[in-house]
Amino acid sequence: MSPFLFLFVFCVVPISADLKECTAKEQIISQGKCARHVNDLMLLTEEQSGEVDVPLEVAKNISTTCETVTSCFGGLQCAEAQRNFKIYEQKCEKINFKSFGMMECMSKWFSEIEGKNLTCTGDFDYLSKDMKTKREAYTSGKSCFINFAEKNCSSNALEYLKNNYEKVLEILTEPSDNCKSLHNELMSKQCDALLLTMTSKMMTIKLANVFGSKKDAYSSLETLCSNIKDCYSGLCYYNQNTTDAVNEVCDEMMKEQTMKPKTYHACYMNIFVSSDTLDYDCVSALRAESENSHKTTEGKPKFMEDKECLRTVMEGECEKEAVSDFDFEWEKQQKYKQNSRNQY
């Protein structure tokens, strides 16, 4: 489906109960004149359905047609027309953001704030859930936002932002009861930046589970998961299944933190990076014997060169599977080291 056409799906928007039903004349205007403007808008967006970058003049034409649609419905003070006015006001917010490239710009902006790459982003709480605080951030910190857009967003997005900053400010800071509104979508996009960071962290952890440095990899995961849960809390753009999935992934990843390595090499690396904290009699004895250093010339702890001491430590620190072929893996490792020495 076109990225524009999905915006024309019917949605329910509450309106004042005080509004009267439309008269016959108002219905003719609404279903005739206003409907023709809606068709014009749909044709314009259909033409751009496969375009990634919409030409500036086309984006401006789409925006003008949107204003014509909302003005037409907004000029009729009756229930059906006002309902359509609210519907197309919200749809046109999304259409404009799409056609001017503002969605991509906002995603980059939220990632920038999350990454703390710009000093000025730390001076204002742009991601606050308190709309008064958020408005203050985007008002006082306008220059920071604009300067970022000048360097990182498309020329179309920059023009829209400069010419419609008050409208952008309204979208960002005025809550909407419609879960699929642009305001609620952007609130969720703030969390998407955190989610990308978590995805990167998960990749680090998967590598750590292979190479053994789990302690460092998990150091910030708990805080990150907590921040993501807080971010999604109270937001309705994504359904409950999505937020439940995020919570489940975080919980499962934290459980893995306490799991012991299951392979010889993962176990070996885990012991290597945590060797200074190990408390085993054979480790202490070998340390005591080494008056000058308890490290080998290769930088390894000397107990790791003692077959039976290493076996004892691996049995205590890792799962049984890790030591099931200990003798075979040890011999293979010794042969590899010998061959490496013979090359020099």
C-alpha atoms as a PDB file:
ATOM      1  CA  MET A   1       0.000   0.000   0.000  1.00  0.00           C
ATOM      2  CA  SER A   2       1.206   3.519  -0.787  1.00  0.00           C
ATOM      3  CA  PRO A   3       2.762   5.333   2.169  1.00  0.00           C
ATOM      4  CA  PHE A   4       0.244   8.082   1.463  1.00  0.00           C
ATOM      5  CA  LEU A   5      -2.879   6.052   0.756  1.00  0.00           C
ATOM      6  CA  PHE A   6      -2.948   4.378   4.169  1.00  0.00           C
ATOM      7  CA  LEU A   7      -3.570   7.841   5.574  1.00  0.00           C
ATOM      8  CA  PHE A   8      -7.034   7.901   4.005  1.00  0.00           C
ATOM      9  CA  VAL A   9      -8.293   4.933   6.021  1.00  0.00           C
ATOM     10  CA  PHE A  10     -11.313   5.935   8.082  1.00  0.00           C
ATOM     11  CA  CYS A  11     -10.677   6.866  11.678  1.00  0.00           C
ATOM     12  CA  VAL A  12     -13.020   7.991  14.442  1.00  0.00           C
ATOM     13  CA  VAL A  13     -12.464  11.493  15.779  1.00  0.00           C
ATOM     14  CA  PRO A  14     -14.570  12.850  18.663  1.00  0.00           C
ATOM     15  CA  ILE A  15     -16.364  16.144  18.123  1.00  0.00           C
ATOM     16  CA  SER A  16     -18.469  18.409  20.282  1.00  0.00           C
ATOM     17  CA  ALA A  17     -21.937  17.089  21.080  1.00  0.00           C
ATOM     18  CA  ASP A  18     -23.250  20.649  20.732  1.00  0.00           C
ATOM     19  CA  LEU A  19     -22.813  20.681  16.968  1.00  0.00           C
ATOM     20  CA  LYS A  20     -26.001  20.405  14.946  1.00  0.00           C
ATOM     21  CA  GLU A  21     -26.633  17.989  12.109  1.00  0.00           C
ATOM     22  CA  CYS A  22     -25.721  19.299   8.679  1.00  0.00           C
ATOM     23  CA  THR A  23     -28.462  20.971   6.647  1.00  0.00           C
ATOM     24  CA  ALA A  24     -29.197  19.822   3.096  1.00  0.00           C
ATOM     25  CA  LYS A  25     -27.136  22.713   1.730  1.00  0.00           C
ATOM     26  CA  GLU A  26     -24.203  21.914   4.030  1.00  0.00           C
ATOM     27  CA  GLN A  27     -24.362  18.250   3.009  1.00  0.00           C
ATOM     28  CA  ILE A  28     -24.211  19.229  -0.670  1.00  0.00           C
ATOM     29  CA  ILE A  29     -21.104  21.354  -0.016  1.00  0.00           C
ATOM     30  CA  SER A  30     -19.504  18.656   2.146  1.00  0.00           C
ATOM     31  CA  GLN A  31     -20.238  15.744  -0.172  1.00  0.00           C
ATOM     32  CA  GLY A  32     -19.735  17.719  -3.355  1.00  0.00           C
ATOM     33  CA  LYS A  33     -17.220  20.568  -3.239  1.00  0.00           C
ATOM     34  CA  CYS A  34     -15.177  19.269  -0.264  1.00  0.00           C
ATOM     35  CA  ALA A  35     -15.215  15.691  -1.558  1.00  0.00           C
ATOM     36  CA  ARG A  36     -13.760  16.888  -4.893  1.00  0.00           C
ATOM     37  CA  HIS A  37     -10.860  18.500  -3.012  1.00  0.00           C
ATOM     38  CA  VAL A  38     -10.311  15.201  -1.180  1.00  0.00           C
ATOM     39  CA  ASN A  39     -10.164  13.406  -4.546  1.00  0.00           C
ATOM     40  CA  ASP A  40      -7.607  15.951  -5.780  1.00  0.00           C
ATOM     41  CA  LEU A  41      -5.499  15.265  -2.688  1.00  0.00           C
ATOM     42  CA  MET A  42      -5.699  11.511  -3.181  1.00  0.00           C
ATOM     43  CA  LEU A  43      -4.635  11.842  -6.846  1.00  0.00           C
ATOM     44  CA  LEU A  44      -1.639  13.962  -5.879  1.00  0.00           C
ATOM     45  CA  THR A  45      -0.486  11.527  -3.227  1.00  0.00           C
ATOM     46  CA  GLU A  46      -1.115   8.539  -5.521  1.00  0.00           C
ATOM     47  CA  GLU A  47       1.273  10.045  -8.059  1.00  0.00           C
ATOM     48  CA  GLN A  48       4.007  10.114  -5.416  1.00  0.00           C
ATOM     49  CA  SER A  49       3.280   6.646  -4.005  1.00  0.00           C
ATOM     50  CA  GLY A  50       6.590   5.165  -5.154  1.00  0.00           C
ATOM     51  CA  GLU A  51       8.739   8.238  -4.585  1.00  0.00           C
ATOM     52  CA  VAL A  52      11.248   8.344  -1.760  1.00  0.00           C
ATOM     53  CA  ASP A  53      12.028  12.038  -2.295  1.00  0.00           C
ATOM     54  CA  VAL A  54       9.060  14.148  -3.304  1.00  0.00           C
ATOM     55  CA  PRO A  55      10.048  17.233  -5.388  1.00  0.00           C
ATOM     56  CA  LEU A  56       9.644  20.466  -3.423  1.00  0.00           C
ATOM     57  CA  GLU A  57       7.056  21.994  -5.750  1.00  0.00           C
ATOM     58  CA  VAL A  58       4.966  18.810  -5.602  1.00  0.00           C
ATOM     59  CA  ALA A  59       5.192  18.774  -1.791  1.00  0.00           C
ATOM     60  CA  LYS A  60       4.044  22.410  -1.725  1.00  0.00           C
ATOM     61  CA  ASN A  61       1.154  21.571  -4.064  1.00  0.00           C
ATOM     62  CA  ILE A  62       0.106  18.685  -1.786  1.00  0.00           C
ATOM     63  CA  SER A  63       0.280  21.005   1.227  1.00  0.00           C
ATOM     64  CA  THR A  64      -1.852  23.649  -0.501  1.00  0.00           C
ATOM     65  CA  THR A  65      -4.448  21.034  -1.469  1.00  0.00           C
ATOM     66  CA  CYS A  66      -4.496  19.827   2.141  1.00  0.00           C
ATOM     67  CA  GLU A  67      -5.247  23.377   3.300  1.00  0.00           C
ATOM     68  CA  THR A  68      -8.064  23.571   0.746  1.00  0.00           C
ATOM     69  CA  VAL A  69      -9.599  20.328   2.074  1.00  0.00           C
ATOM     70  CA  THR A  70      -9.454  21.334   5.735  1.00  0.00           C
ATOM     71  CA  SER A  71     -10.690  24.867   4.991  1.00  0.00           C
ATOM     72  CA  CYS A  72     -13.638  23.480   3.080  1.00  0.00           C
ATOM     73  CA  PHE A  73     -14.780  21.176   5.882  1.00  0.00           C
ATOM     74  CA  GLY A  74     -13.764  23.645   8.592  1.00  0.00           C
ATOM     75  CA  GLY A  75     -15.996  26.358   7.162  1.00  0.00           C
ATOM     76  CA  LEU A  76     -19.126  24.280   7.820  1.00  0.00           C
ATOM     77  CA  GLN A  77     -20.266  24.412  11.445  1.00  0.00           C
ATOM     78  CA  CYS A  78     -22.141  21.124  11.558  1.00  0.00           C
ATOM     79  CA  ALA A  79     -21.344  17.709  12.999  1.00  0.00           C
ATOM     80  CA  GLU A  80     -20.369  15.667   9.919  1.00  0.00           C
ATOM     81  CA  ALA A  81     -18.309  18.464   8.379  1.00  0.00           C
ATOM     82  CA  GLN A  82     -16.431  19.155  11.620  1.00  0.00           C
ATOM     83  CA  ARG A  83     -15.762  15.455  12.031  1.00  0.00           C
ATOM     84  CA  ASN A  84     -14.235  15.418   8.528  1.00  0.00           C
ATOM     85  CA  PHE A  85     -12.311  18.598   9.324  1.00  0.00           C
ATOM     86  CA  LYS A  86     -10.664  16.893  12.327  1.00  0.00           C
ATOM     87  CA  ILE A  87      -9.984  13.727  10.347  1.00  0.00           C
ATOM     88  CA  TYR A  88      -8.289  15.540   7.461  1.00  0.00           C
ATOM     89  CA  GLU A  89      -6.460  17.938   9.731  1.00  0.00           C
ATOM     90  CA  GLN A  90      -4.739  14.945  11.320  1.00  0.00           C
ATOM     91  CA  LYS A  91      -4.254  13.142   8.007  1.00  0.00           C
ATOM     92  CA  CYS A  92      -2.724  16.229   6.414  1.00  0.00           C
ATOM     93  CA  GLU A  93      -0.251  16.595   9.265  1.00  0.00           C
ATOM     94  CA  LYS A  94       1.067  13.139   8.375  1.00  0.00           C
ATOM     95  CA  ILE A  95       0.897  13.772   4.619  1.00  0.00           C
ATOM     96  CA  ASN A  96       2.951  16.964   4.954  1.00  0.00           C
ATOM     97  CA  PHE A  97       5.523  15.293   7.192  1.00  0.00           C
ATOM     98  CA  LYS A  98       5.820  12.481   4.652  1.00  0.00           C
ATOM     99  CA  SER A  99       5.998  14.612   1.500  1.00  0.00           C
ATOM    100  CA  PHE A 100       8.524  17.108   2.928  1.00  0.00           C
ATOM    101  CA  GLY A 101      10.753  14.383   4.379  1.00  0.00           C
ATOM    102  CA  MET A 102      10.092  15.439   7.968  1.00  0.00           C
ATOM    103  CA  MET A 103       9.594  11.893   9.286  1.00  0.00           C
ATOM    104  CA  GLU A 104      13.132  10.923   8.328  1.00  0.00           C
ATOM    105  CA  CYS A 105      14.414  14.198   9.754  1.00  0.00           C
ATOM    106  CA  MET A 106      12.684  13.602  13.100  1.00  0.00           C
ATOM    107  CA  SER A 107      14.008  10.044  13.318  1.00  0.00           C
ATOM    108  CA  LYS A 108      17.556  11.357  12.833  1.00  0.00           C
ATOM    109  CA  TRP A 109      16.911  14.073  15.429  1.00  0.00           C
ATOM    110  CA  PHE A 110      15.670  11.648  18.066  1.00  0.00           C
ATOM    111  CA  SER A 111      18.678   9.390  17.425  1.00  0.00           C
ATOM    112  CA  GLU A 112      20.965  12.400  17.807  1.00  0.00           C
ATOM    113  CA  ILE A 113      19.414  13.242  21.182  1.00  0.00           C
ATOM    114  CA  GLU A 114      19.740   9.622  22.300  1.00  0.00           C
ATOM    115  CA  GLY A 115      23.353   9.473  21.140  1.00  0.00           C
ATOM    116  CA  LYS A 116      24.196  12.791  22.840  1.00  0.00           C
ATOM    117  CA  ASN A 117      26.460  13.720  19.918  1.00  0.00           C
ATOM    118  CA  LEU A 118      25.492  17.396  20.027  1.00  0.00           C
ATOM    119  CA  THR A 119      26.308  19.343  23.171  1.00  0.00           C
ATOM    120  CA  CYS A 120      23.227  21.557  22.894  1.00  0.00           C
ATOM    121  CA  THR A 121      20.807  18.597  22.940  1.00  0.00           C
ATOM    122  CA  GLY A 122      21.762  17.988  26.557  1.00  0.00           C
ATOM    123  CA  ASP A 123      20.640  21.503  27.537  1.00  0.00           C
ATOM    124  CA  PHE A 124      16.928  20.876  26.895  1.00  0.00           C
ATOM    125  CA  ASP A 125      14.513  18.041  27.629  1.00  0.00           C
ATOM    126  CA  TYR A 126      13.259  17.510  24.074  1.00  0.00           C
ATOM    127  CA  LEU A 127      12.006  13.995  24.871  1.00  0.00           C
ATOM    128  CA  SER A 128       9.975  14.883  27.947  1.00  0.00           C
ATOM    129  CA  LYS A 129       6.511  13.381  28.341  1.00  0.00           C
ATOM    130  CA  ASP A 130       5.440  16.563  30.088  1.00  0.00           C
ATOM    131  CA  MET A 131       4.151  18.729  27.245  1.00  0.00           C
ATOM    132  CA  LYS A 132       4.901  22.012  29.018  1.00  0.00           C
ATOM    133  CA  THR A 133       8.529  20.955  29.480  1.00  0.00           C
ATOM    134  CA  LYS A 134       8.725  19.722  25.880  1.00  0.00           C
ATOM    135  CA  ARG A 135       7.316  23.006  24.554  1.00  0.00           C
ATOM    136  CA  GLU A 136       9.872  24.948  26.577  1.00  0.00           C
ATOM    137  CA  ALA A 137      12.645  22.745  25.173  1.00  0.00           C
ATOM    138  CA  TYR A 138      11.622  23.263  21.547  1.00  0.00           C
ATOM    139  CA  THR A 139      11.048  26.989  22.123  1.00  0.00           C
ATOM    140  CA  SER A 140      14.237  27.828  24.018  1.00  0.00           C
ATOM    141  CA  GLY A 141      16.232  25.206  22.138  1.00  0.00           C
ATOM    142  CA  LYS A 142      14.895  26.059  18.673  1.00  0.00           C
ATOM    143  CA  SER A 143      18.320  27.073  17.326  1.00  0.00           C
ATOM    144  CA  CYS A 144      19.820  23.706  18.348  1.00  0.00           C
ATOM    145  CA  PHE A 145      17.060  21.852  16.457  1.00  0.00           C
ATOM    146  CA  ILE A 146      17.319  24.078  13.373  1.00  0.00           C
ATOM    147  CA  ASN A 147      21.118  23.860  13.275  1.00  0.00           C
ATOM    148  CA  PHE A 148      20.874  20.067  13.389  1.00  0.00           C
ATOM    149  CA  ALA A 149      18.298  20.055  10.554  1.00  0.00           C
ATOM    150  CA  GLU A 150      20.519  22.292   8.404  1.00  0.00           C
ATOM    151  CA  LYS A 151      23.308  19.704   8.539  1.00  0.00           C
ATOM    152  CA  ASN A 152      21.372  16.440   8.602  1.00  0.00           C
ATOM    153  CA  CYS A 153      17.916  16.813   7.016  1.00  0.00           C
ATOM    154  CA  SER A 154      16.817  17.250   3.413  1.00  0.00           C
ATOM    155  CA  SER A 155      16.385  20.740   1.970  1.00  0.00           C
ATOM    156  CA  ASN A 156      12.626  20.083   1.742  1.00  0.00           C
ATOM    157  CA  ALA A 157      12.419  19.174   5.422  1.00  0.00           C
ATOM    158  CA  LEU A 158      14.475  22.211   6.381  1.00  0.00           C
ATOM    159  CA  GLU A 159      12.207  24.535   4.400  1.00  0.00           C
ATOM    160  CA  TYR A 160       9.099  23.017   5.961  1.00  0.00           C
ATOM    161  CA  LEU A 161      10.606  23.286   9.444  1.00  0.00           C
ATOM    162  CA  LYS A 162      11.616  26.927   9.046  1.00  0.00           C
ATOM    163  CA  ASN A 163       8.300  27.982   7.496  1.00  0.00           C
ATOM    164  CA  ASN A 164       6.059  25.924   9.796  1.00  0.00           C
ATOM    165  CA  TYR A 165       7.918  25.798  13.100  1.00  0.00           C
ATOM    166  CA  GLU A 166       4.846  26.774  15.137  1.00  0.00           C
ATOM    167  CA  LYS A 167       2.870  23.977  13.487  1.00  0.00           C
ATOM    168  CA  VAL A 168       5.649  21.477  14.237  1.00  0.00           C
ATOM    169  CA  LEU A 169       5.713  22.746  17.816  1.00  0.00           C
ATOM    170  CA  GLU A 170       1.941  22.226  18.060  1.00  0.00           C
ATOM    171  CA  ILE A 171       2.178  18.673  16.727  1.00  0.00           C
ATOM    172  CA  LEU A 172       4.993  17.791  19.121  1.00  0.00           C
ATOM    173  CA  THR A 173       3.458  19.269  22.253  1.00  0.00           C
ATOM    174  CA  GLU A 174      -0.329  19.052  21.985  1.00  0.00           C
ATOM    175  CA  PRO A 175      -1.711  15.620  23.035  1.00  0.00           C
ATOM    176  CA  SER A 176      -4.199  13.794  20.853  1.00  0.00           C
ATOM    177  CA  ASP A 177      -6.884  11.251  21.787  1.00  0.00           C
ATOM    178  CA  ASN A 178      -6.317   9.530  18.441  1.00  0.00           C
ATOM    179  CA  CYS A 179      -3.656   6.853  18.999  1.00  0.00           C
ATOM    180  CA  LYS A 180      -2.655   6.992  15.314  1.00  0.00           C
ATOM    181  CA  SER A 181      -2.209  10.769  15.260  1.00  0.00           C
ATOM    182  CA  LEU A 182       1.131  12.263  14.242  1.00  0.00           C
ATOM    183  CA  HIS A 183       1.701  13.484  17.799  1.00  0.00           C
ATOM    184  CA  ASN A 184       1.437   9.954  19.189  1.00  0.00           C
ATOM    185  CA  GLU A 185       3.491   8.503  16.353  1.00  0.00           C
ATOM    186  CA  LEU A 186       6.322  10.955  17.062  1.00  0.00           C
ATOM    187  CA  MET A 187       6.144  10.213  20.787  1.00  0.00           C
ATOM    188  CA  SER A 188       6.718   6.558  19.908  1.00  0.00           C
ATOM    189  CA  LYS A 189       9.518   7.405  17.471  1.00  0.00           C
ATOM    190  CA  GLN A 190      11.381   8.880  20.435  1.00  0.00           C
ATOM    191  CA  CYS A 191      11.389   5.358  21.874  1.00  0.00           C
ATOM    192  CA  ASP A 192      12.471   3.837  18.554  1.00  0.00           C
ATOM    193  CA  ALA A 193      15.845   5.551  18.947  1.00  0.00           C
ATOM    194  CA  LEU A 194      16.287   3.765  22.289  1.00  0.00           C
ATOM    195  CA  LEU A 195      15.164   0.519  20.676  1.00  0.00           C
ATOM    196  CA  LEU A 196      17.891   0.808  18.031  1.00  0.00           C
ATOM    197  CA  THR A 197      20.450   1.307  20.804  1.00  0.00           C
ATOM    198  CA  MET A 198      19.109  -1.794  22.548  1.00  0.00           C
ATOM    199  CA  THR A 199      19.358  -3.809  19.315  1.00  0.00           C
ATOM    200  CA  SER A 200      23.013  -2.795  19.014  1.00  0.00           C
ATOM    201  CA  LYS A 201      23.591  -3.719  22.655  1.00  0.00           C
ATOM    202  CA  MET A 202      22.004  -7.138  22.084  1.00  0.00           C
ATOM    203  CA  MET A 203      24.438  -7.787  19.219  1.00  0.00           C
ATOM    204  CA  THR A 204      27.297  -6.908  21.568  1.00  0.00           C
ATOM    205  CA  ILE A 205      25.946  -9.318  24.161  1.00  0.00           C
ATOM    206  CA  LYS A 206      25.577 -12.150  21.652  1.00  0.00           C
ATOM    207  CA  LEU A 207      29.232 -11.704  20.724  1.00  0.00           C
ATOM    208  CA  ALA A 208      30.128 -11.521  24.404  1.00  0.00           C
ATOM    209  CA  ASN A 209      28.384 -14.826  25.018  1.00  0.00           C
ATOM    210  CA  VAL A 210      30.720 -16.349  22.425  1.00  0.00           C
ATOM    211  CA  PHE A 211      33.931 -14.627  23.449  1.00  0.00           C
ATOM    212  CA  GLY A 212      33.321 -14.424  27.170  1.00  0.00           C
ATOM    213  CA  SER A 213      33.294 -10.740  28.145  1.00  0.00           C
ATOM    214  CA  LYS A 214      29.721 -10.825  29.412  1.00  0.00           C
ATOM    215  CA  LYS A 215      30.209  -8.633  32.451  1.00  0.00           C
ATOM    216  CA  ASP A 216      31.064  -5.502  30.470  1.00  0.00           C
ATOM    217  CA  ALA A 217      28.405  -6.184  27.838  1.00  0.00           C
ATOM    218  CA  TYR A 218      25.603  -6.366  30.397  1.00  0.00           C
ATOM    219  CA  SER A 219      26.754  -3.314  32.345  1.00  0.00           C
ATOM    220  CA  SER A 220      24.306  -0.855  30.782  1.00  0.00           C
ATOM    221  CA  LEU A 221      21.597  -3.202  29.489  1.00  0.00           C
ATOM    222  CA  GLU A 222      19.461  -3.054  32.626  1.00  0.00           C
ATOM    223  CA  THR A 223      19.391   0.757  32.591  1.00  0.00           C
ATOM    224  CA  LEU A 224      18.662   0.799  28.869  1.00  0.00           C
ATOM    225  CA  CYS A 225      15.763  -1.648  29.236  1.00  0.00           C
ATOM    226  CA  SER A 226      14.360   0.399  32.103  1.00  0.00           C
ATOM    227  CA  ASN A 227      14.534   3.550  29.969  1.00  0.00           C
ATOM    228  CA  ILE A 228      12.764   1.824  27.056  1.00  0.00           C
ATOM    229  CA  LYS A 229       9.976   0.542  29.300  1.00  0.00           C
ATOM    230  CA  ASP A 230       9.516   4.013  30.769  1.00  0.00           C
ATOM    231  CA  CYS A 231       9.506   5.518  27.282  1.00  0.00           C
ATOM    232  CA  TYR A 232       6.766   3.240  25.926  1.00  0.00           C
ATOM    233  CA  SER A 233       4.719   3.460  29.134  1.00  0.00           C
ATOM    234  CA  GLY A 234       1.465   5.335  28.586  1.00  0.00           C
ATOM    235  CA  LEU A 235       1.874   5.567  24.806  1.00  0.00           C
ATOM    236  CA  CYS A 236      -0.806   4.094  22.572  1.00  0.00           C
ATOM    237  CA  TYR A 237       0.604   4.354  19.023  1.00  0.00           C
ATOM    238  CA  TYR A 238       1.961   0.822  19.265  1.00  0.00           C
ATOM    239  CA  ASN A 239      -0.395  -1.872  20.466  1.00  0.00           C
ATOM    240  CA  GLN A 240       0.128  -3.781  23.699  1.00  0.00           C
ATOM    241  CA  ASN A 241       1.667  -6.722  21.826  1.00  0.00           C
ATOM    242  CA  THR A 242       4.575  -4.527  20.749  1.00  0.00           C
ATOM    243  CA  THR A 243       5.335  -3.207  24.218  1.00  0.00           C
ATOM    244  CA  ASP A 244       4.903  -6.693  25.695  1.00  0.00           C
ATOM    245  CA  ALA A 245       7.439  -8.006  23.165  1.00  0.00           C
ATOM    246  CA  VAL A 246       9.959  -5.324  24.164  1.00  0.00           C
ATOM    247  CA  ASN A 247       9.487  -6.178  27.843  1.00  0.00           C
ATOM    248  CA  GLU A 248       9.867  -9.893  27.112  1.00  0.00           C
ATOM    249  CA  VAL A 249      13.096  -9.390  25.148  1.00  0.00           C
ATOM    250  CA  CYS A 250      14.565  -7.278  27.945  1.00  0.00           C
ATOM    251  CA  ASP A 251      13.581  -9.792  30.599  1.00  0.00           C
ATOM    252  CA  GLU A 252      15.031 -12.707  28.630  1.00  0.00           C
ATOM    253  CA  MET A 253      18.277 -10.876  27.954  1.00  0.00           C
ATOM    254  CA  MET A 254      18.688 -10.104  31.649  1.00  0.00           C
ATOM    255  CA  LYS A 255      18.121 -13.767  32.507  1.00  0.00           C
ATOM    256  CA  GLU A 256      20.963 -14.713  30.175  1.00  0.00           C
ATOM    257  CA  GLN A 257      23.296 -12.608  32.290  1.00  0.00           C
ATOM    258  CA  THR A 258      23.369 -15.289  34.981  1.00  0.00           C
ATOM    259  CA  MET A 259      23.805 -18.204  32.573  1.00  0.00           C
ATOM    260  CA  LYS A 260      27.185 -19.934  32.580  1.00  0.00           C
ATOM    261  CA  PRO A 261      29.140 -20.484  29.323  1.00  0.00           C
ATOM    262  CA  LYS A 262      28.294 -23.759  27.619  1.00  0.00           C
ATOM    263  CA  THR A 263      31.264 -24.257  25.270  1.00  0.00           C
ATOM    264  CA  TYR A 264      34.963 -24.774  25.964  1.00  0.00           C
ATOM    265  CA  HIS A 265      36.084 -21.613  24.181  1.00  0.00           C
ATOM    266  CA  ALA A 266      33.378 -19.377  25.693  1.00  0.00           C
ATOM    267  CA  CYS A 267      34.295 -20.780  29.103  1.00  0.00           C
ATOM    268  CA  TYR A 268      38.007 -20.260  28.467  1.00  0.00           C
ATOM    269  CA  MET A 269      37.501 -16.608  27.469  1.00  0.00           C
ATOM    270  CA  ASN A 270      35.144 -15.961  30.384  1.00  0.00           C
ATOM    271  CA  ILE A 271      37.800 -17.237  32.799  1.00  0.00           C
ATOM    272  CA  PHE A 272      40.506 -15.223  31.060  1.00  0.00           C
ATOM    273  CA  VAL A 273      38.679 -11.872  31.465  1.00  0.00           C
ATOM    274  CA  SER A 274      37.672 -12.577  35.073  1.00  0.00           C
ATOM    275  CA  SER A 275      40.885 -14.244  36.226  1.00  0.00           C
ATOM    276  CA  ASP A 276      41.728 -11.593  38.826  1.00  0.00           C
ATOM    277  CA  THR A 277      38.557 -12.304  40.783  1.00  0.00           C
ATOM    278  CA  LEU A 278      38.692 -16.122  40.823  1.00  0.00           C
ATOM    279  CA  ASP A 279      38.989 -17.814  44.221  1.00  0.00           C
ATOM    280  CA  TYR A 280      40.320 -21.385  43.856  1.00  0.00           C
ATOM    281  CA  ASP A 281      43.038 -23.120  45.890  1.00  0.00           C
ATOM    282  CA  CYS A 282      45.067 -24.083  42.832  1.00  0.00           C
ATOM    283  CA  VAL A 283      44.866 -20.542  41.463  1.00  0.00           C
ATOM    284  CA  SER A 284      46.065 -19.093  44.791  1.00  0.00           C
ATOM    285  CA  ALA A 285      48.858 -21.674  45.008  1.00  0.00           C
ATOM    286  CA  LEU A 286      50.144 -20.929  41.519  1.00  0.00           C
ATOM    287  CA  ARG A 287      50.020 -17.214  42.258  1.00  0.00           C
ATOM    288  CA  ALA A 288      52.044 -17.756  45.439  1.00  0.00           C
ATOM    289  CA  GLU A 289      54.673 -19.737  43.533  1.00  0.00           C
ATOM    290  CA  SER A 290      55.144 -16.884  41.094  1.00  0.00           C
ATOM    291  CA  GLU A 291      57.069 -14.309  43.089  1.00  0.00           C
ATOM    292  CA  ASN A 292      57.614 -11.909  40.197  1.00  0.00           C
ATOM    293  CA  SER A 293      54.429 -12.318  38.196  1.00  0.00           C
ATOM    294  CA  HIS A 294      51.405 -14.559  38.006  1.00  0.00           C
ATOM    295  CA  LYS A 295      51.122 -13.872  34.267  1.00  0.00           C
ATOM    296  CA  THR A 296      52.823 -15.775  31.470  1.00  0.00           C
ATOM    297  CA  THR A 297      54.950 -13.999  28.867  1.00  0.00           C
ATOM    298  CA  GLU A 298      51.819 -14.062  26.653  1.00  0.00           C
ATOM    299  CA  GLY A 299      49.877 -12.152  29.276  1.00  0.00           C
ATOM    300  CA  LYS A 300      47.736 -15.069  30.444  1.00  0.00           C
ATOM    301  CA  PRO A 301      47.314 -16.030  34.106  1.00  0.00           C
ATOM    302  CA  LYS A 302      49.754 -18.869  34.873  1.00  0.00           C
ATOM    303  CA  PHE A 303      47.032 -21.130  36.224  1.00  0.00           C
ATOM    304  CA  MET A 304      45.613 -21.271  32.693  1.00  0.00           C
ATOM    305  CA  GLU A 305      48.789 -23.097  31.641  1.00  0.00           C
ATOM    306  CA  ASP A 306      48.182 -25.750  34.292  1.00  0.00           C
ATOM    307  CA  LYS A 307      45.871 -28.361  32.809  1.00  0.00           C
ATOM    308  CA  GLU A 308      44.331 -29.704  36.008  1.00  0.00           C
ATOM    309  CA  CYS A 309      43.931 -26.277  37.634  1.00  0.00           C
ATOM    310  CA  LEU A 310      42.235 -24.962  34.501  1.00  0.00           C
ATOM    311  CA  ARG A 311      39.947 -28.016  34.487  1.00  0.00           C
ATOM    312  CA  THR A 312      38.991 -27.336  38.115  1.00  0.00           C
ATOM    313  CA  VAL A 313      38.212 -23.688  37.423  1.00  0.00           C
ATOM    314  CA  MET A 314      36.215 -24.472  34.272  1.00  0.00           C
ATOM    315  CA  GLU A 315      34.142 -27.056  36.138  1.00  0.00           C
ATOM    316  CA  GLY A 316      33.292 -24.432  38.732  1.00  0.00           C
ATOM    317  CA  GLU A 317      32.647 -21.483  36.392  1.00  0.00           C
ATOM    318  CA  CYS A 318      30.933 -23.097  33.402  1.00  0.00           C
ATOM    319  CA  GLU A 319      28.231 -25.554  32.419  1.00  0.00           C
ATOM    320  CA  LYS A 320      29.091 -29.279  32.202  1.00  0.00           C
ATOM    321  CA  GLU A 321      28.955 -29.169  28.398  1.00  0.00           C
ATOM    322  CA  ALA A 322      31.952 -26.812  28.404  1.00  0.00           C
ATOM    323  CA  VAL A 323      34.240 -29.425  29.954  1.00  0.00           C
ATOM    324  CA  SER A 324      32.771 -32.563  28.378  1.00  0.00           C
ATOM    325  CA  ASP A 325      35.642 -32.664  25.820  1.00  0.00           C
ATOM    326  CA  PHE A 326      38.191 -30.888  27.992  1.00  0.00           C
ATOM    327  CA  ASP A 327      41.125 -33.258  27.251  1.00  0.00           C
ATOM    328  CA  PHE A 328      40.570 -33.094  23.516  1.00  0.00           C
ATOM    329  CA  GLU A 329      40.232 -29.291  23.487  1.00  0.00           C
ATOM    330  CA  TRP A 330      43.272 -28.863  25.772  1.00  0.00           C
ATOM    331  CA  GLU A 331      45.483 -30.999  23.510  1.00  0.00           C
ATOM    332  CA  LYS A 332      44.266 -29.204  20.423  1.00  0.00           C
ATOM    333  CA  GLN A 333      45.065 -25.897  22.057  1.00  0.00           C
ATOM    334  CA  GLN A 334      48.589 -27.033  23.001  1.00  0.00           C
ATOM    335  CA  LYS A 335      49.303 -28.222  19.457  1.00  0.00           C
ATOM    336  CA  TYR A 336      48.121 -24.907  18.062  1.00  0.00           C
ATOM    337  CA  LYS A 337      50.426 -22.978  20.429  1.00  0.00           C
ATOM    338  CA  GLN A 338      53.369 -25.243  19.549  1.00  0.00           C
ATOM    339  CA  ASN A 339      52.788 -24.798  15.837  1.00  0.00           C
ATOM    340  CA  SER A 340      52.589 -21.045  16.311  1.00  0.00           C
ATOM    341  CA  ARG A 341      55.938 -21.008  18.126  1.00  0.00           C
ATOM    342  CA  ASN A 342      57.567 -23.140  15.397  1.00  0.00           C
ATOM    343  CA  GLN A 343      56.734 -20.518  12.800  1.00  0.00           C
ATOM    344  CA  TYR A 344      59.205 -18.081  14.378  1.00  0.00           C
END
